[in-house]
PDB file of N, CA and C in Angstrom:
ATOM      1  N   MET A   1      76.349 103.357  96.100  1.00  0.00           N
ATOM      2  CA  MET A   1      77.288 104.312  95.530  1.00  0.00           C
ATOM      3  C   MET A   1      78.544 103.571  95.076  1.00  0.00           C
ATOM      4  N   GLY A   2      79.019 103.912  93.899  1.00  0.00           N
ATOM      5  CA  GLY A   2      80.242 103.303  93.422  1.00  0.00           C
ATOM      6  C   GLY A   2      81.427 103.802  94.236  1.00  0.00           C
ATOM      7  N   ALA A   3      82.448 103.005  94.286  1.00  0.00           N
ATOM      8  CA  ALA A   3      83.612 103.412  95.077  1.00  0.00           C
ATOM      9  C   ALA A   3      84.888 103.219  94.293  1.00  0.00           C
ATOM     10  N   ASP A   4      84.898 103.742  93.055  1.00  0.00           N
ATOM     11  CA  ASP A   4      86.153 103.690  92.326  1.00  0.00           C
ATOM     12  C   ASP A   4      87.117 104.665  92.995  1.00  0.00           C
ATOM     13  N   VAL A   5      88.371 104.531  92.702  1.00  0.00           N
ATOM     14  CA  VAL A   5      89.406 105.325  93.363  1.00  0.00           C
ATOM     15  C   VAL A   5      89.134 106.825  93.208  1.00  0.00           C
ATOM     16  N   ALA A   6      88.763 107.277  92.026  1.00  0.00           N
ATOM     17  CA  ALA A   6      88.533 108.706  91.797  1.00  0.00           C
ATOM     18  C   ALA A   6      87.381 109.232  92.655  1.00  0.00           C
ATOM     19  N   THR A   7      86.319 108.450  92.801  1.00  0.00           N
ATOM     20  CA  THR A   7      85.180 108.848  93.624  1.00  0.00           C
ATOM     21  C   THR A   7      85.608 109.003  95.081  1.00  0.00           C
ATOM     22  N   VAL A   8      86.387 108.057  95.562  1.00  0.00           N
ATOM     23  CA  VAL A   8      86.847 108.102  96.949  1.00  0.00           C
ATOM     24  C   VAL A   8      87.802 109.276  97.153  1.00  0.00           C
ATOM     25  N   GLU A   9      88.685 109.502  96.200  1.00  0.00           N
ATOM     26  CA  GLU A   9      89.619 110.623  96.303  1.00  0.00           C
ATOM     27  C   GLU A   9      88.858 111.945  96.388  1.00  0.00           C
ATOM     28  N   THR A  10      87.824 112.101  95.576  1.00  0.00           N
ATOM     29  CA  THR A  10      87.019 113.321  95.598  1.00  0.00           C
ATOM     30  C   THR A  10      86.334 113.481  96.947  1.00  0.00           C
ATOM     31  N   TRP A  11      85.767 112.388  97.448  1.00  0.00           N
ATOM     32  CA  TRP A  11      85.106 112.432  98.754  1.00  0.00           C
ATOM     33  C   TRP A  11      86.107 112.840  99.842  1.00  0.00           C
ATOM     34  N   LEU A  12      87.303 112.248  99.826  1.00  0.00           N
ATOM     35  CA  LEU A  12      88.301 112.553 100.843  1.00  0.00           C
ATOM     36  C   LEU A  12      88.793 113.992 100.715  1.00  0.00           C
ATOM     37  N   ARG A  13      88.986 114.472  99.504  1.00  0.00           N
ATOM     38  CA  ARG A  13      89.391 115.875  99.319  1.00  0.00           C
ATOM     39  C   ARG A  13      88.341 116.813  99.918  1.00  0.00           C
ATOM     40  N   ASP A  14      87.065 116.512  99.680  1.00  0.00           N
ATOM     41  CA  ASP A  14      85.991 117.327 100.246  1.00  0.00           C
ATOM     42  C   ASP A  14      86.000 117.253 101.771  1.00  0.00           C
ATOM     43  N   TRP A  15      86.213 116.055 102.300  1.00  0.00           N
ATOM     44  CA  TRP A  15      86.256 115.853 103.747  1.00  0.00           C
ATOM     45  C   TRP A  15      87.392 116.674 104.358  1.00  0.00           C
ATOM     46  N   LEU A  16      88.553 116.611 103.733  1.00  0.00           N
ATOM     47  CA  LEU A  16      89.709 117.356 104.225  1.00  0.00           C
ATOM     48  C   LEU A  16      89.518 118.865 104.086  1.00  0.00           C
ATOM     49  N   ALA A  17      88.861 119.307 103.018  1.00  0.00           N
ATOM     50  CA  ALA A  17      88.646 120.736 102.783  1.00  0.00           C
ATOM     51  C   ALA A  17      87.798 121.362 103.890  1.00  0.00           C
ATOM     52  N   LYS A  18      86.925 120.578 104.487  1.00  0.00           N
ATOM     53  CA  LYS A  18      86.104 121.084 105.594  1.00  0.00           C
ATOM     54  C   LYS A  18      86.958 121.327 106.842  1.00  0.00           C
ATOM     55  N   ARG A  19      88.046 120.620 106.964  1.00  0.00           N
ATOM     56  CA  ARG A  19      88.904 120.723 108.140  1.00  0.00           C
ATOM     57  C   ARG A  19      90.097 121.649 107.913  1.00  0.00           C
ATOM     58  N   ALA A  20      90.501 121.773 106.681  1.00  0.00           N
ATOM     59  CA  ALA A  20      91.649 122.626 106.351  1.00  0.00           C
ATOM     60  C   ALA A  20      91.339 123.384 105.068  1.00  0.00           C
ATOM     61  N   PRO A  21      90.446 124.373 105.144  1.00  0.00           N
ATOM     62  CA  PRO A  21      90.054 125.116 103.937  1.00  0.00           C
ATOM     63  C   PRO A  21      91.256 125.735 103.227  1.00  0.00           C
ATOM     64  N   GLY A  22      91.233 125.638 101.916  1.00  0.00           N
ATOM     65  CA  GLY A  22      92.278 126.249 101.105  1.00  0.00           C
ATOM     66  C   GLY A  22      93.553 125.433 100.977  1.00  0.00           C
ATOM     67  N   LEU A  23      93.632 124.314 101.686  1.00  0.00           N
ATOM     68  CA  LEU A  23      94.826 123.482 101.616  1.00  0.00           C
ATOM     69  C   LEU A  23      94.818 122.678 100.319  1.00  0.00           C
ATOM     70  N   ALA A  24      95.896 122.770  99.574  1.00  0.00           N
ATOM     71  CA  ALA A  24      96.022 122.019  98.322  1.00  0.00           C
ATOM     72  C   ALA A  24      96.923 120.811  98.565  1.00  0.00           C
ATOM     73  N   LEU A  25      96.334 119.645  98.545  1.00  0.00           N
ATOM     74  CA  LEU A  25      97.088 118.412  98.761  1.00  0.00           C
ATOM     75  C   LEU A  25      97.320 117.687  97.449  1.00  0.00           C
ATOM     76  N   LYS A  26      98.530 117.179  97.286  1.00  0.00           N
ATOM     77  CA  LYS A  26      98.829 116.311  96.150  1.00  0.00           C
ATOM     78  C   LYS A  26      98.354 114.906  96.507  1.00  0.00           C
ATOM     79  N   PRO A  27      98.089 114.059  95.522  1.00  0.00           N
ATOM     80  CA  PRO A  27      97.552 112.720  95.794  1.00  0.00           C
ATOM     81  C   PRO A  27      98.395 111.865  96.731  1.00  0.00           C
ATOM     82  N   ASP A  28      99.716 112.105  96.757  1.00  0.00           N
ATOM     83  CA  ASP A  28     100.581 111.281  97.597  1.00  0.00           C
ATOM     84  C   ASP A  28     101.106 111.999  98.840  1.00  0.00           C
ATOM     85  N   ASP A  29     100.566 113.187  99.124  1.00  0.00           N
ATOM     86  CA  ASP A  29     100.924 113.875 100.362  1.00  0.00           C
ATOM     87  C   ASP A  29     100.320 113.131 101.551  1.00  0.00           C
ATOM     88  N   ASN A  30     101.030 113.120 102.655  1.00  0.00           N
ATOM     89  CA  ASN A  30     100.507 112.534 103.887  1.00  0.00           C
ATOM     90  C   ASN A  30      99.560 113.558 104.510  1.00  0.00           C
ATOM     91  N   TYR A  31      98.266 113.306 104.437  1.00  0.00           N
ATOM     92  CA  TYR A  31      97.305 114.298 104.914  1.00  0.00           C
ATOM     93  C   TYR A  31      97.306 114.417 106.433  1.00  0.00           C
ATOM     94  N   PHE A  32      97.790 113.434 107.153  1.00  0.00           N
ATOM     95  CA  PHE A  32      97.914 113.578 108.607  1.00  0.00           C
ATOM     96  C   PHE A  32      98.924 114.674 108.927  1.00  0.00           C
ATOM     97  N   ASP A  33     100.035 114.680 108.203  1.00  0.00           N
ATOM     98  CA  ASP A  33     101.081 115.677 108.418  1.00  0.00           C
ATOM     99  C   ASP A  33     100.701 117.033 107.831  1.00  0.00           C
ATOM    100  N   VAL A  34     100.320 117.043 106.565  1.00  0.00           N
ATOM    101  CA  VAL A  34     100.086 118.303 105.861  1.00  0.00           C
ATOM    102  C   VAL A  34      98.827 119.011 106.360  1.00  0.00           C
ATOM    103  N   ALA A  35      97.755 118.267 106.591  1.00  0.00           N
ATOM    104  CA  ALA A  35      96.491 118.877 107.024  1.00  0.00           C
ATOM    105  C   ALA A  35      96.357 118.893 108.549  1.00  0.00           C
ATOM    106  N   GLY A  36      97.312 118.284 109.249  1.00  0.00           N
ATOM    107  CA  GLY A  36      97.269 118.291 110.700  1.00  0.00           C
ATOM    108  C   GLY A  36      96.108 117.492 111.286  1.00  0.00           C
ATOM    109  N   ILE A  37      95.785 116.362 110.658  1.00  0.00           N
ATOM    110  CA  ILE A  37      94.694 115.515 111.144  1.00  0.00           C
ATOM    111  C   ILE A  37      95.144 114.838 112.438  1.00  0.00           C
ATOM    112  N   ASP A  38      94.364 115.035 113.504  1.00  0.00           N
ATOM    113  CA  ASP A  38      94.709 114.429 114.785  1.00  0.00           C
ATOM    114  C   ASP A  38      93.972 113.095 114.966  1.00  0.00           C
ATOM    115  N   SER A  39      94.187 112.441 116.092  1.00  0.00           N
ATOM    116  CA  SER A  39      93.612 111.105 116.301  1.00  0.00           C
ATOM    117  C   SER A  39      92.090 111.134 116.346  1.00  0.00           C
ATOM    118  N   PHE A  40      91.493 112.181 116.919  1.00  0.00           N
ATOM    119  CA  PHE A  40      90.035 112.282 116.951  1.00  0.00           C
ATOM    120  C   PHE A  40      89.481 112.406 115.530  1.00  0.00           C
ATOM    121  N   GLU A  41      90.118 113.260 114.729  1.00  0.00           N
ATOM    122  CA  GLU A  41      89.677 113.426 113.341  1.00  0.00           C
ATOM    123  C   GLU A  41      89.893 112.153 112.537  1.00  0.00           C
ATOM    124  N   ALA A  42      90.952 111.410 112.852  1.00  0.00           N
ATOM    125  CA  ALA A  42      91.201 110.142 112.161  1.00  0.00           C
ATOM    126  C   ALA A  42      90.068 109.152 112.436  1.00  0.00           C
ATOM    127  N   ILE A  43      89.599 109.100 113.667  1.00  0.00           N
ATOM    128  CA  ILE A  43      88.478 108.217 114.010  1.00  0.00           C
ATOM    129  C   ILE A  43      87.225 108.652 113.262  1.00  0.00           C
ATOM    130  N   THR A  44      87.001 109.953 113.197  1.00  0.00           N
ATOM    131  CA  THR A  44      85.852 110.478 112.446  1.00  0.00           C
ATOM    132  C   THR A  44      85.963 110.110 110.972  1.00  0.00           C
ATOM    133  N   LEU A  45      87.153 110.259 110.404  1.00  0.00           N
ATOM    134  CA  LEU A  45      87.390 109.896 109.005  1.00  0.00           C
ATOM    135  C   LEU A  45      87.067 108.418 108.778  1.00  0.00           C
ATOM    136  N   ILE A  46      87.544 107.567 109.647  1.00  0.00           N
ATOM    137  CA  ILE A  46      87.309 106.131 109.510  1.00  0.00           C
ATOM    138  C   ILE A  46      85.816 105.827 109.564  1.00  0.00           C
ATOM    139  N   GLU A  47      85.134 106.377 110.567  1.00  0.00           N
ATOM    140  CA  GLU A  47      83.702 106.127 110.709  1.00  0.00           C
ATOM    141  C   GLU A  47      82.909 106.643 109.517  1.00  0.00           C
ATOM    142  N   GLU A  48      83.207 107.860 109.084  1.00  0.00           N
ATOM    143  CA  GLU A  48      82.479 108.446 107.958  1.00  0.00           C
ATOM    144  C   GLU A  48      82.808 107.739 106.644  1.00  0.00           C
ATOM    145  N   GLY A  49      84.061 107.342 106.471  1.00  0.00           N
ATOM    146  CA  GLY A  49      84.445 106.594 105.270  1.00  0.00           C
ATOM    147  C   GLY A  49      83.748 105.246 105.210  1.00  0.00           C
ATOM    148  N   GLU A  50      83.703 104.548 106.336  1.00  0.00           N
ATOM    149  CA  GLU A  50      83.013 103.251 106.373  1.00  0.00           C
ATOM    150  C   GLU A  50      81.531 103.419 106.056  1.00  0.00           C
ATOM    151  N   SER A  51      80.926 104.438 106.631  1.00  0.00           N
ATOM    152  CA  SER A  51      79.505 104.691 106.390  1.00  0.00           C
ATOM    153  C   SER A  51      79.238 105.089 104.934  1.00  0.00           C
ATOM    154  N   GLU A  52      80.050 105.986 104.422  1.00  0.00           N
ATOM    155  CA  GLU A  52      79.863 106.486 103.054  1.00  0.00           C
ATOM    156  C   GLU A  52      80.006 105.384 102.010  1.00  0.00           C
ATOM    157  N   PHE A  53      80.968 104.502 102.206  1.00  0.00           N
ATOM    158  CA  PHE A  53      81.275 103.512 101.179  1.00  0.00           C
ATOM    159  C   PHE A  53      80.842 102.091 101.520  1.00  0.00           C
ATOM    160  N   GLY A  54      80.202 101.907 102.671  1.00  0.00           N
ATOM    161  CA  GLY A  54      79.674 100.590 103.027  1.00  0.00           C
ATOM    162  C   GLY A  54      80.757  99.546 103.214  1.00  0.00           C
ATOM    163  N   ILE A  55      81.850  99.937 103.845  1.00  0.00           N
ATOM    164  CA  ILE A  55      82.980  99.029 104.056  1.00  0.00           C
ATOM    165  C   ILE A  55      83.323  98.970 105.536  1.00  0.00           C
ATOM    166  N   ARG A  56      84.222  98.074 105.872  1.00  0.00           N
ATOM    167  CA  ARG A  56      84.835  98.030 107.200  1.00  0.00           C
ATOM    168  C   ARG A  56      86.342  97.984 106.971  1.00  0.00           C
ATOM    169  N   PHE A  57      87.028  98.966 107.522  1.00  0.00           N
ATOM    170  CA  PHE A  57      88.482  98.933 107.455  1.00  0.00           C
ATOM    171  C   PHE A  57      88.990  97.820 108.362  1.00  0.00           C
ATOM    172  N   ARG A  58      90.139  97.305 108.019  1.00  0.00           N
ATOM    173  CA  ARG A  58      90.815  96.295 108.844  1.00  0.00           C
ATOM    174  C   ARG A  58      91.985  96.953 109.551  1.00  0.00           C
ATOM    175  N   GLN A  59      92.434  96.347 110.618  1.00  0.00           N
ATOM    176  CA  GLN A  59      93.578  96.866 111.355  1.00  0.00           C
ATOM    177  C   GLN A  59      94.791  97.030 110.432  1.00  0.00           C
ATOM    178  N   THR A  60      94.952  96.105 109.506  1.00  0.00           N
ATOM    179  CA  THR A  60      96.093  96.186 108.593  1.00  0.00           C
ATOM    180  C   THR A  60      96.006  97.405 107.670  1.00  0.00           C
ATOM    181  N   ASP A  61      94.795  97.901 107.421  1.00  0.00           N
ATOM    182  CA  ASP A  61      94.644  99.093 106.580  1.00  0.00           C
ATOM    183  C   ASP A  61      95.306 100.302 107.236  1.00  0.00           C
ATOM    184  N   PHE A  62      95.204 100.405 108.550  1.00  0.00           N
ATOM    185  CA  PHE A  62      95.764 101.557 109.250  1.00  0.00           C
ATOM    186  C   PHE A  62      97.284 101.496 109.311  1.00  0.00           C
ATOM    187  N   GLN A  63      97.832 100.310 109.145  1.00  0.00           N
ATOM    188  CA  GLN A  63      99.282 100.136 109.137  1.00  0.00           C
ATOM    189  C   GLN A  63      99.856 100.273 107.722  1.00  0.00           C
ATOM    190  N   ASP A  64      98.982 100.265 106.738  1.00  0.00           N
ATOM    191  CA  ASP A  64      99.367 100.399 105.337  1.00  0.00           C
ATOM    192  C   ASP A  64      99.737 101.866 105.084  1.00  0.00           C
ATOM    193  N   ARG A  65     100.939 102.115 104.583  1.00  0.00           N
ATOM    194  CA  ARG A  65     101.387 103.493 104.334  1.00  0.00           C
ATOM    195  C   ARG A  65     100.443 104.252 103.409  1.00  0.00           C
ATOM    196  N   ARG A  66      99.759 103.521 102.549  1.00  0.00           N
ATOM    197  CA  ARG A  66      98.833 104.175 101.613  1.00  0.00           C
ATOM    198  C   ARG A  66      97.685 104.871 102.329  1.00  0.00           C
ATOM    199  N   PHE A  67      97.313 104.395 103.505  1.00  0.00           N
ATOM    200  CA  PHE A  67      96.154 104.933 104.221  1.00  0.00           C
ATOM    201  C   PHE A  67      96.268 106.433 104.466  1.00  0.00           C
ATOM    202  N   ALA A  68      97.470 106.948 104.583  1.00  0.00           N
ATOM    203  CA  ALA A  68      97.688 108.353 104.920  1.00  0.00           C
ATOM    204  C   ALA A  68      97.729 109.282 103.714  1.00  0.00           C
ATOM    205  N   THR A  69      97.487 108.754 102.512  1.00  0.00           N
ATOM    206  CA  THR A  69      97.477 109.601 101.318  1.00  0.00           C
ATOM    207  C   THR A  69      96.116 109.529 100.640  1.00  0.00           C
ATOM    208  N   ILE A  70      95.798 110.551  99.899  1.00  0.00           N
ATOM    209  CA  ILE A  70      94.518 110.574  99.196  1.00  0.00           C
ATOM    210  C   ILE A  70      94.438 109.416  98.203  1.00  0.00           C
ATOM    211  N   ARG A  71      95.474 109.238  97.420  1.00  0.00           N
ATOM    212  CA  ARG A  71      95.483 108.159  96.430  1.00  0.00           C
ATOM    213  C   ARG A  71      95.378 106.790  97.116  1.00  0.00           C
ATOM    214  N   GLY A  72      96.166 106.597  98.149  1.00  0.00           N
ATOM    215  CA  GLY A  72      96.183 105.319  98.850  1.00  0.00           C
ATOM    216  C   GLY A  72      94.872 105.013  99.552  1.00  0.00           C
ATOM    217  N   PHE A  73      94.278 106.020 100.175  1.00  0.00           N
ATOM    218  CA  PHE A  73      92.987 105.836 100.836  1.00  0.00           C
ATOM    219  C   PHE A  73      91.958 105.370  99.804  1.00  0.00           C
ATOM    220  N   GLY A  74      91.972 106.010  98.626  1.00  0.00           N
ATOM    221  CA  GLY A  74      91.063 105.610  97.552  1.00  0.00           C
ATOM    222  C   GLY A  74      91.290 104.173  97.113  1.00  0.00           C
ATOM    223  N   GLN A  75      92.540 103.781  97.016  1.00  0.00           N
ATOM    224  CA  GLN A  75      92.858 102.404  96.624  1.00  0.00           C
ATOM    225  C   GLN A  75      92.373 101.400  97.670  1.00  0.00           C
ATOM    226  N   ILE A  76      92.608 101.707  98.935  1.00  0.00           N
ATOM    227  CA  ILE A  76      92.182 100.795 100.000  1.00  0.00           C
ATOM    228  C   ILE A  76      90.662 100.658 100.027  1.00  0.00           C
ATOM    229  N   VAL A  77      89.947 101.770  99.922  1.00  0.00           N
ATOM    230  CA  VAL A  77      88.479 101.698  99.919  1.00  0.00           C
ATOM    231  C   VAL A  77      87.997 100.892  98.727  1.00  0.00           C
ATOM    232  N   ALA A  78      88.566 101.139  97.547  1.00  0.00           N
ATOM    233  CA  ALA A  78      88.159 100.372  96.354  1.00  0.00           C
ATOM    234  C   ALA A  78      88.421  98.895  96.550  1.00  0.00           C
ATOM    235  N   GLU A  79      89.543  98.544  97.160  1.00  0.00           N
ATOM    236  CA  GLU A  79      89.843  97.134  97.438  1.00  0.00           C
ATOM    237  C   GLU A  79      88.804  96.526  98.370  1.00  0.00           C
ATOM    238  N   ARG A  80      88.438  97.256  99.410  1.00  0.00           N
ATOM    239  CA  ARG A  80      87.434  96.754 100.363  1.00  0.00           C
ATOM    240  C   ARG A  80      86.080  96.569  99.658  1.00  0.00           C
ATOM    241  N   ARG A  81      85.738  97.512  98.802  1.00  0.00           N
ATOM    242  CA  ARG A  81      84.454  97.441  98.090  1.00  0.00           C
ATOM    243  C   ARG A  81      84.400  96.235  97.155  1.00  0.00           C
ATOM    244  N   HIS A  82      85.544  95.848  96.647  1.00  0.00           N
ATOM    245  CA  HIS A  82      85.598  94.744  95.696  1.00  0.00           C
ATOM    246  C   HIS A  82      86.042  93.451  96.357  1.00  0.00           C
ATOM    247  N   GLY A  83      86.084  93.454  97.692  1.00  0.00           N
ATOM    248  CA  GLY A  83      86.418  92.233  98.421  1.00  0.00           C
ATOM    249  C   GLY A  83      87.880  91.868  98.421  1.00  0.00           C
ATOM    250  N   GLY A  84      88.737  92.770  98.002  1.00  0.00           N
ATOM    251  CA  GLY A  84      90.156  92.455  97.939  1.00  0.00           C
ATOM    252  C   GLY A  84      90.898  92.826  99.192  1.00  0.00           C
ATOM    253  N   GLY A  85      92.172  92.537  99.174  1.00  0.00           N
ATOM    254  CA  GLY A  85      93.041  92.943 100.267  1.00  0.00           C
ATOM    255  C   GLY A  85      93.079  92.025 101.346  1.00  0.00           C
TER     256      GLY A  85
END
């Protein structure tokens, strides 16, 4: 599966919609704050994202401010898919 930023953003929006139906998030909103994602859900997100896109997040990814936004999450996944970062 390709992992361009738009594909990842769509996947994450769908993932978040299952947990917070009807919530409209902007690409740069902090989904932990706005959608109320807790630590258990964050672990689930990480595991499912790694499985879906065939990547492994690094510890530095979780410290990257982008990780908490839809746009940033997409960028980080795309970087991992292309060997960057």
